[in-house]
Amino acid sequence: MSRSGRHECVCRWYDEGRPTIPSMATNLIRAFVQPGTEGQAHVCEMASREHVCSPSAGWAGLIATPADRLREGRMDIAVLFNVSGTEDYSAEPPATERLHLVGHPRDMATLGPTVAARELRDLPLVLTPLPHGLRLLLDRWSNDAGIALNTRFELNAPSALMRMAGEGICYTIVSRAAAQDEVRAGRLATSEIIDPPIERLACLCESRRRPSDPARAAVLDLARATALRLASEGIWPATVRSRESR
């Protein structure tokens, strides 16, 4: 890689305020600093979309998302969910995640490894509000499956979702990766939602709005290899897709 190039990529960002691909950022940086590798990369951790406001200035708005930055050529690489390639960026889906119901560690609903989707009808949920990407996915799944979700609360404070679930106030739905640290610590329990499952494709995306560059291609290769290794080793709870299905 050229020392003169500065390349911004998202190799991990926060989904509901939790890491979507565990240890992705640090593992990518470890690979990047191996002997013989030169250059500079800017690694960001970003939410899919965040609201911002300035009461004193009298305005409110949305921070640009990773997809926005890819489209505008202000970012090289990002991990997005359930997207297809466009004229603005390519999309390669290396793995699939299944979402989990999250609750108190001694709650009956999350004692088993799986929970039937029909059981969600009677469970009070706290979810992120629209237009958060996870909420869009859940609303589409709910409509397609004919299973109404009992959304009691909406919170734009990601850490509060886990806290409310851990206190037994209600449940939430996130990826296993988002909750696995708290599960290991005994503060939460999760059960994979089945019949039907809630799945999403993790897509490694590259902006088409920036000129081709060997350094960026090398970072993309590192990100791809790191994501596949983490999934294959079980560090990231995801299913690696075959090359034919990507």
Protein backbone atom coordinates (compact mmCIF):
# COMPACT_ATOMS: atom_id res chain seq x y z
CA MET A 1 0.00 0.00 0.00
CA SER A 2 1.13 3.52 -0.62
CA ARG A 3 2.08 5.54 2.44
CA SER A 4 0.55 8.62 0.87
CA GLY A 5 -2.99 7.25 0.61
CA ARG A 6 -5.45 7.75 3.46
CA HIS A 7 -8.40 5.38 3.16
CA GLU A 8 -11.52 5.50 5.28
CA CYS A 9 -13.43 2.27 5.80
CA VAL A 10 -16.07 0.98 8.16
CA CYS A 11 -15.10 -2.53 9.15
CA ARG A 12 -17.34 -2.64 12.20
CA TRP A 13 -20.02 -0.32 13.37
CA TYR A 14 -22.67 -0.30 16.00
CA ASP A 15 -26.03 -1.95 15.61
CA GLU A 16 -28.32 -0.92 18.48
CA GLY A 17 -25.19 0.51 20.08
CA ARG A 18 -23.43 -2.86 20.10
CA PRO A 19 -20.72 -4.26 17.80
CA THR A 20 -22.26 -6.02 14.82
CA ILE A 21 -19.15 -8.00 13.93
CA PRO A 22 -17.24 -8.63 17.18
CA SER A 23 -13.57 -7.62 17.22
CA MET A 24 -13.70 -6.76 13.51
CA ALA A 25 -11.98 -3.40 13.92
CA THR A 26 -9.13 -4.67 16.08
CA ASN A 27 -8.66 -7.81 13.98
CA LEU A 28 -8.52 -5.77 10.79
CA ILE A 29 -5.96 -3.42 12.30
CA ARG A 30 -3.85 -6.39 13.45
CA ALA A 31 -3.84 -7.70 9.88
CA PHE A 32 -3.11 -4.23 8.53
CA VAL A 33 0.06 -3.81 10.61
CA GLN A 34 1.64 -7.12 9.64
CA PRO A 35 5.20 -6.91 8.25
CA GLY A 36 5.22 -5.76 4.65
CA THR A 37 1.95 -3.84 4.96
CA GLU A 38 2.15 -0.07 4.65
CA GLY A 39 -0.30 2.78 4.44
CA GLN A 40 -3.00 4.37 6.56
CA ALA A 41 -6.61 3.42 7.18
CA HIS A 42 -9.31 5.28 9.08
CA VAL A 43 -11.60 2.79 10.83
CA CYS A 44 -14.96 4.11 12.06
CA GLU A 45 -17.65 2.72 14.34
CA MET A 46 -21.00 4.16 13.33
CA ALA A 47 -24.67 3.59 13.98
CA SER A 48 -26.83 2.84 10.97
CA ARG A 49 -28.54 6.20 11.44
CA GLU A 50 -28.49 8.70 14.26
CA HIS A 51 -30.70 11.67 15.02
CA VAL A 52 -29.07 14.97 15.90
CA CYS A 53 -30.64 18.20 17.06
CA SER A 54 -29.63 21.67 18.13
CA PRO A 55 -32.37 23.26 20.25
CA SER A 56 -30.49 26.55 20.44
CA ALA A 57 -30.26 26.72 16.65
CA GLY A 58 -33.81 25.50 16.18
CA TRP A 59 -33.06 22.56 13.88
CA ALA A 60 -33.00 18.78 13.90
CA GLY A 61 -31.76 16.26 11.38
CA LEU A 62 -29.97 13.01 10.67
CA ILE A 63 -26.27 12.27 10.61
CA ALA A 64 -25.15 10.83 7.27
CA THR A 65 -25.28 7.05 7.29
CA PRO A 66 -22.50 4.76 6.00
CA ALA A 67 -24.62 4.21 2.86
CA ASP A 68 -24.88 7.98 2.38
CA ARG A 69 -21.12 8.31 2.67
CA LEU A 70 -20.54 5.51 0.17
CA ARG A 71 -22.92 7.15 -2.30
CA GLU A 72 -21.18 10.49 -1.90
CA GLY A 73 -17.69 9.02 -2.19
CA ARG A 74 -16.77 10.11 1.34
CA MET A 75 -16.15 6.53 2.48
CA ASP A 76 -14.39 3.63 0.80
CA ILE A 77 -15.78 0.52 2.48
CA ALA A 78 -18.70 -0.23 4.80
CA VAL A 79 -20.65 -3.19 6.15
CA LEU A 80 -24.35 -2.73 5.35
CA PHE A 81 -27.29 -5.07 5.81
CA ASN A 82 -29.74 -6.44 3.24
CA VAL A 83 -28.55 -4.28 0.37
CA SER A 84 -27.85 -4.91 -3.29
CA GLY A 85 -25.18 -3.29 -5.39
CA THR A 86 -26.07 0.04 -6.99
CA GLU A 87 -24.39 2.45 -9.36
CA ASP A 88 -22.91 4.08 -6.25
CA TYR A 89 -21.47 1.04 -4.46
CA SER A 90 -20.89 -2.69 -4.87
CA ALA A 91 -22.27 -5.19 -2.34
CA GLU A 92 -20.86 -8.62 -1.52
CA PRO A 93 -22.81 -10.62 1.11
CA PRO A 94 -20.27 -12.93 2.80
CA ALA A 95 -22.48 -14.04 5.71
CA THR A 96 -26.02 -14.25 7.10
CA GLU A 97 -27.11 -13.42 10.65
CA ARG A 98 -30.20 -14.66 12.47
CA LEU A 99 -31.78 -12.40 15.06
CA HIS A 100 -32.47 -13.39 18.66
CA LEU A 101 -35.01 -12.57 21.32
CA VAL A 102 -33.19 -11.03 24.29
CA GLY A 103 -34.44 -11.12 27.86
CA HIS A 104 -33.60 -11.59 31.52
CA PRO A 105 -31.24 -14.56 32.08
CA ARG A 106 -33.88 -16.44 34.12
CA ASP A 107 -36.88 -15.57 31.95
CA MET A 108 -38.83 -18.55 30.63
CA ALA A 109 -39.08 -17.09 27.12
CA THR A 110 -35.31 -17.06 26.66
CA LEU A 111 -34.33 -20.18 28.60
CA GLY A 112 -34.11 -22.37 25.50
CA PRO A 113 -31.82 -22.06 22.47
CA THR A 114 -34.76 -21.15 20.21
CA VAL A 115 -38.15 -19.49 20.44
CA ALA A 116 -41.02 -19.88 17.95
CA ALA A 117 -41.90 -16.66 16.19
CA ARG A 118 -45.58 -17.00 17.16
CA GLU A 119 -44.56 -16.60 20.82
CA LEU A 120 -43.47 -13.02 20.13
CA ARG A 121 -47.10 -11.87 19.83
CA ASP A 122 -47.55 -11.94 23.60
CA LEU A 123 -44.20 -10.50 24.63
CA PRO A 124 -43.76 -6.78 25.37
CA LEU A 125 -40.92 -5.44 23.23
CA VAL A 126 -38.66 -2.41 23.29
CA LEU A 127 -37.30 -1.63 19.82
CA THR A 128 -35.45 1.11 18.04
CA PRO A 129 -37.72 3.59 16.24
CA LEU A 130 -37.97 4.14 12.51
CA PRO A 131 -35.99 4.78 10.36
CA HIS A 132 -33.39 2.59 12.11
CA GLY A 133 -32.37 -0.23 9.76
CA LEU A 134 -33.10 -2.98 12.29
CA ARG A 135 -36.61 -1.65 12.87
CA LEU A 136 -37.26 -1.56 9.13
CA LEU A 137 -36.20 -5.21 8.92
CA LEU A 138 -38.44 -6.22 11.84
CA ASP A 139 -41.45 -4.38 10.43
CA ARG A 140 -41.01 -6.05 7.03
CA TRP A 141 -40.60 -9.47 8.64
CA SER A 142 -43.68 -8.92 10.84
CA ASN A 143 -45.78 -8.01 7.82
CA ASP A 144 -44.52 -10.92 5.68
CA ALA A 145 -44.89 -13.49 8.49
CA GLY A 146 -48.29 -12.20 9.61
CA ILE A 147 -47.01 -11.94 13.18
CA ALA A 148 -47.81 -8.67 14.93
CA LEU A 149 -45.08 -7.48 17.27
CA ASN A 150 -46.16 -6.07 20.62
CA THR A 151 -43.96 -2.97 20.59
CA ARG A 152 -44.51 -1.31 23.95
CA PHE A 153 -41.59 1.09 23.89
CA GLU A 154 -39.34 2.73 21.32
CA LEU A 155 -35.92 3.92 22.39
CA ASN A 156 -33.27 5.72 20.41
CA ALA A 157 -30.82 5.04 23.24
CA PRO A 158 -29.25 1.71 22.21
CA SER A 159 -27.77 0.82 25.59
CA ALA A 160 -31.21 1.18 27.18
CA LEU A 161 -32.62 -1.65 25.03
CA MET A 162 -30.27 -4.16 26.64
CA ARG A 163 -30.70 -2.65 30.08
CA MET A 164 -34.50 -2.91 29.96
CA ALA A 165 -34.27 -6.51 28.74
CA GLY A 166 -31.75 -7.37 31.44
CA GLU A 167 -34.00 -5.90 34.14
CA GLY A 168 -36.94 -7.98 32.94
CA ILE A 169 -39.04 -4.93 32.02
CA CYS A 170 -39.52 -6.16 28.46
CA TYR A 171 -37.69 -7.95 25.65
CA THR A 172 -35.78 -6.77 22.62
CA ILE A 173 -34.66 -8.31 19.32
CA VAL A 174 -31.09 -7.97 18.11
CA SER A 175 -28.33 -10.05 16.60
CA ARG A 176 -26.58 -12.58 18.81
CA ALA A 177 -23.35 -10.63 18.34
CA ALA A 178 -24.94 -7.51 19.81
CA ALA A 179 -25.72 -9.27 23.09
CA GLN A 180 -23.03 -11.91 23.44
CA ASP A 181 -20.82 -10.00 25.90
CA GLU A 182 -23.76 -9.56 28.31
CA VAL A 183 -24.79 -13.19 27.79
CA ARG A 184 -21.30 -14.38 28.76
CA ALA A 185 -21.44 -12.15 31.84
CA GLY A 186 -24.78 -13.66 32.87
CA ARG A 187 -26.70 -10.40 32.51
CA LEU A 188 -28.82 -11.45 29.50
CA ALA A 189 -30.12 -14.54 27.74
CA THR A 190 -30.98 -14.94 24.07
CA SER A 191 -33.01 -17.41 22.02
CA GLU A 192 -32.84 -17.65 18.25
CA ILE A 193 -36.17 -16.80 16.63
CA ILE A 194 -37.41 -19.60 14.34
CA ASP A 195 -40.48 -20.61 12.30
CA PRO A 196 -39.84 -18.31 10.54
CA PRO A 197 -36.41 -16.94 11.41
CA ILE A 198 -35.46 -13.29 11.09
CA GLU A 199 -32.40 -13.16 8.86
CA ARG A 200 -30.26 -10.42 7.42
CA LEU A 201 -27.36 -10.38 5.00
CA ALA A 202 -24.17 -8.69 6.12
CA CYS A 203 -22.82 -7.05 2.97
CA LEU A 204 -19.29 -5.80 2.43
CA CYS A 205 -19.72 -2.71 0.27
CA GLU A 206 -17.25 -0.59 -1.69
CA SER A 207 -17.93 2.88 -3.04
CA ARG A 208 -17.95 3.25 -6.83
CA ARG A 209 -17.62 7.02 -6.47
CA ARG A 210 -13.91 6.93 -5.76
CA PRO A 211 -11.15 6.03 -8.23
CA SER A 212 -9.73 2.52 -8.06
CA ASP A 213 -6.74 2.22 -5.79
CA PRO A 214 -4.48 -0.75 -4.87
CA ALA A 215 -4.44 0.30 -1.21
CA ARG A 216 -8.23 0.31 -0.98
CA ALA A 217 -8.41 -3.06 -2.74
CA ALA A 218 -5.96 -4.47 -0.19
CA VAL A 219 -8.03 -3.15 2.73
CA LEU A 220 -11.17 -4.67 1.17
CA ASP A 221 -9.41 -8.04 0.88
CA LEU A 222 -8.34 -7.81 4.53
CA ALA A 223 -11.87 -6.92 5.64
CA ARG A 224 -13.36 -9.81 3.66
CA ALA A 225 -10.84 -12.34 5.00
CA THR A 226 -11.25 -11.09 8.57
CA ALA A 227 -15.07 -11.24 8.48
CA LEU A 228 -15.03 -14.76 7.02
CA ARG A 229 -12.49 -15.95 9.59
CA LEU A 230 -14.47 -14.53 12.53
CA ALA A 231 -17.64 -16.20 11.24
CA SER A 232 -15.90 -19.52 10.51
CA GLU A 233 -14.34 -19.59 14.00
CA GLY A 234 -17.66 -18.80 15.69
CA ILE A 235 -16.45 -15.48 17.11
CA TRP A 236 -19.07 -13.74 14.97
CA PRO A 237 -22.32 -15.78 15.19
CA ALA A 238 -23.09 -15.79 11.48
CA THR A 239 -23.35 -18.33 8.66
CA VAL A 240 -20.76 -18.02 5.91
CA ARG A 241 -22.39 -18.03 2.49
CA SER A 242 -20.98 -20.16 -0.30
CA ARG A 243 -19.36 -18.34 -3.20
CA GLU A 244 -22.19 -19.51 -5.48
CA SER A 245 -24.83 -17.82 -3.30
CA ARG A 246 -23.03 -14.52 -2.84
